């Protein structure tokens, strides 16, 4: 079992920045990939960014150049630095930890970008 807990959401003006954190606990040795998804009202949940245990990065086209995902293996934590935020980035952001067996989701953190 893996538990994931997000933090760092909030309200920010367009052009501003936020940093999200996700701490994993439990069977952390089994985690292959950690990352972030988001879900805006009335839309499907979508990938924001992934980071694999070997360091490979994946970003959605809509956030490339603005968001940076990083991982602190010593703290079992993944971060999402979000810069140049836009109103369309408004969503609930979910952390995900993926093992060989299944994916574990956090409870989500709200990010609201005002215009």
Protein backbone atom coordinates (compact mmCIF):
# COMPACT_ATOMS: atom_id res chain seq x y z
CA UNK A 1 0.00 0.00 0.00
CA UNK A 2 1.06 3.53 -0.78
CA UNK A 3 -0.43 6.69 0.66
CA UNK A 4 -0.06 10.03 -1.07
CA UNK A 5 -0.87 13.44 0.40
CA UNK A 6 -0.85 16.66 -1.61
CA UNK A 7 -0.38 20.20 -0.39
CA UNK A 8 0.25 23.65 -1.78
CA UNK A 9 -2.85 24.57 -3.74
CA UNK A 10 -4.57 27.91 -3.48
CA UNK A 11 -5.72 31.05 -5.24
CA UNK A 12 -3.32 33.03 -7.42
CA UNK A 13 -3.62 35.72 -10.06
CA UNK A 14 -2.84 35.00 -13.68
CA UNK A 15 0.90 35.13 -14.27
CA UNK A 16 1.64 34.03 -10.73
CA UNK A 17 3.26 30.89 -9.37
CA UNK A 18 2.43 28.04 -7.03
CA UNK A 19 4.29 24.95 -5.92
CA UNK A 20 2.50 21.71 -5.17
CA UNK A 21 3.99 18.97 -3.04
CA UNK A 22 3.09 15.30 -2.79
CA UNK A 23 4.49 13.07 -0.08
CA UNK A 24 4.34 9.31 -0.44
CA UNK A 25 4.46 6.83 2.41
CA UNK A 26 4.02 3.10 2.88
CA UNK A 27 5.48 0.70 0.33
CA UNK A 28 7.48 3.43 -1.34
CA UNK A 29 10.13 1.03 -2.62
CA UNK A 30 7.56 -0.21 -5.13
CA UNK A 31 6.83 3.18 -6.71
CA UNK A 32 7.90 3.45 -10.34
CA UNK A 33 6.31 6.73 -11.37
CA UNK A 34 4.97 9.74 -9.51
CA UNK A 35 3.14 12.60 -11.07
CA UNK A 36 0.25 14.98 -11.31
CA UNK A 37 -3.11 14.96 -13.02
CA UNK A 38 -5.76 17.65 -12.96
CA UNK A 39 -9.48 17.84 -13.44
CA UNK A 40 -11.36 21.01 -14.25
CA UNK A 41 -15.13 21.28 -13.76
CA UNK A 42 -16.99 19.41 -16.48
CA UNK A 43 -13.81 17.98 -17.97
CA UNK A 44 -12.00 14.68 -17.80
CA UNK A 45 -8.98 14.17 -15.61
CA UNK A 46 -5.82 14.82 -17.63
CA UNK A 47 -2.11 14.27 -17.26
CA UNK A 48 -0.05 17.26 -16.19
CA UNK A 49 3.38 15.71 -15.63
CA UNK A 50 5.08 12.45 -14.67
CA UNK A 51 8.53 11.64 -13.35
CA UNK A 52 9.83 8.09 -13.39
CA UNK A 53 12.16 6.58 -10.82
CA UNK A 54 14.95 6.76 -13.38
CA UNK A 55 14.29 10.45 -13.93
CA UNK A 56 12.40 10.38 -17.23
CA UNK A 57 9.98 13.31 -17.48
CA UNK A 58 6.67 13.65 -19.29
CA UNK A 59 4.69 16.89 -19.62
CA UNK A 60 1.38 17.78 -21.16
CA UNK A 61 1.85 20.13 -24.10
CA UNK A 62 -0.29 22.74 -22.37
CA UNK A 63 2.16 23.12 -19.47
CA UNK A 64 5.54 22.68 -21.19
CA UNK A 65 7.84 25.57 -20.47
CA UNK A 66 5.70 26.75 -17.53
CA UNK A 67 5.56 23.79 -15.13
CA UNK A 68 8.45 21.78 -13.73
CA UNK A 69 8.16 18.46 -11.98
CA UNK A 70 10.88 17.27 -9.64
CA UNK A 71 11.39 14.47 -7.16
CA UNK A 72 13.23 14.25 -3.86
CA UNK A 73 13.82 10.55 -3.36
CA UNK A 74 15.22 11.05 0.14
CA UNK A 75 11.92 12.64 1.20
CA UNK A 76 9.71 10.48 -1.03
CA UNK A 77 8.20 13.67 -2.30
CA UNK A 78 7.39 15.00 -5.74
CA UNK A 79 6.94 18.69 -6.51
CA UNK A 80 5.19 20.60 -9.23
CA UNK A 81 6.45 24.14 -9.72
CA UNK A 82 3.85 26.06 -11.69
CA UNK A 83 4.84 29.39 -13.21
CA UNK A 84 3.05 31.80 -15.55
CA UNK A 85 -0.28 30.39 -14.42
CA UNK A 86 -3.32 30.92 -16.60
CA UNK A 87 -7.03 30.85 -15.74
CA UNK A 88 -7.31 27.63 -17.76
CA UNK A 89 -4.96 25.97 -15.27
CA UNK A 90 -7.75 26.16 -12.70
CA UNK A 91 -8.53 22.62 -11.57
CA UNK A 92 -8.23 20.11 -8.79
CA UNK A 93 -4.73 18.70 -8.96
CA UNK A 94 -4.23 15.06 -8.00
CA UNK A 95 -0.98 13.34 -7.15
CA UNK A 96 -0.49 9.80 -8.41
CA UNK A 97 1.98 7.11 -7.41
CA UNK A 98 2.25 4.14 -9.74
CA UNK A 99 3.63 0.75 -8.79
CA UNK A 100 3.79 -2.50 -10.77
CA UNK A 101 0.43 -3.46 -9.29
CA UNK A 102 -1.72 -0.34 -9.27
CA UNK A 103 -1.96 3.44 -9.08
CA UNK A 104 -2.57 5.33 -5.86
CA UNK A 105 -4.27 8.72 -5.89
CA UNK A 106 -4.18 11.57 -3.44
CA UNK A 107 -7.27 13.45 -2.32
CA UNK A 108 -6.59 16.42 -4.58
CA UNK A 109 -5.76 20.05 -4.01
CA UNK A 110 -7.58 22.99 -5.57
CA UNK A 111 -5.70 25.45 -7.74
CA UNK A 112 -7.61 28.55 -8.81
CA UNK A 113 -6.13 31.13 -11.15
CA UNK A 114 -7.99 34.42 -11.39
CA UNK A 115 -7.84 36.62 -14.47
